[in-house]
Amino acid sequence: MLFKQQALLRQKLFVLGSLAIGSLLYLVARVGSLDRLQPLCPIDGRFGPRGQDEIQLRALQFKRGLLHEFRKGNATKEQIRLHNLVQQLPKAIIIGVRKGGTRALLEMLNLHPAVVKASQEIHFFDNDENYAKGIEWYRKKMPFSYPHQITIEKSPAYFITEEVPERIYKMNSSIKLLIIVREPTTRAISDYTQVLEGKERKNKTYYKFEKLAIDPNTCEVNTKYKAVRTSIYTKHLERWLKYFPVEQFHIVDGDRLITEPLPELQLVEKFLNLPPRISQYNLYFNATRGFYCLRFNIVFNKCLAGSKGRIHPEVDTSVITKLRKFFHPFNQKFYQITGRTFNWP
């Protein structure tokens, strides 16, 4: 009899223990999912006095799913009004450079609870047809966000397109501008590799990189080749400096973002006047992919698209040497203007 009572007691304790563990795990998951959504301590001059821009917890619980519905166009105007959501013009733009790591930077910044990203490249300022549609068209392309958050978009063609600096200046002369760069020769080869892959998917032939990068008539670097021209960072930056002071630019090391992303992201947080929220917890290395992936909370992880990290083709070493020698004086000037030095050969 005593044995049966003990067995029954053990069974009840086991059930109660399982319920307690289950409840604890649910709470951990709930807290983890809300951690990214908690309102931030306001920053002077950006988020305003305490209480004005804070989000009620009830709204936070629905935020992720609700914003997803808004992006799909499934939300009603009443839902938008009730949750105090808006479509804001960006307060910061990643303007370039192509194949420098713009997508990785945008996705990683989206780890910050005060940042909301535009999912697609808008191409508003570099596309005459889009630009003619007006600033309201551009604003309506932005994601829904809470008033205390900042919206960021990225379109790397902005950096090299002549009309863009003036157009962005007319929208917001105090906007913050992010430029992510890689070693110029590596970036040019990466640019070529992406175009090559597109050609191969369409069963089209394409010239070798060496033939495009070097002028066959002069045997010198072909500055008419877009991949080469894009890597002359200082030439493009000088055009932007006609409209914006250098203090409104932040240069991100795209090579370091691949191998050691957290310090680069912390520098961007500081530049954007955001409280530090991105930590090592949010980034984990995926050995299979060879890249860092993103951890938003205990239940939501994300890796970058499979197209990232394409294998570059073999390039003649003499061509690489010639390109690096060509880029060297431009790199030195870039260091001087930006105040940031890279260990580029």
Foldseek 3Di string as FASTA:
>chain_A
DVVVVVVVVVVVVVVVVVVVVVVVVVVQQQCQLLVLQFDDDDDPPAQDDPPPQGFDPVLSSCPPVVLVCVVVVNDDPVVCVVRQKAQDDALEEAQDDPQLCPVVLQVLLCLHSQEDEQPDAPCQQQDPVNVVVDDVSVSVSGGIDGPSHGYYYYDNVLLVRLRRLVVVCVVPLLGAYEYGHEQLVVSLLVVVVVVCVVCVVVVHDDDDPCPLQAPPVVRAGDCVRVSLVSSLNLVSVVSNCVRHPLLRYDYAHSVCCFVPNPVRSVVVCVSVVHDDDDDVVQWDADPVLSGIWGDSGPPDTGRDDSVPPDDGDDDPVVSVVSSLVVSVVSLVVVCVRNVDHDPHD
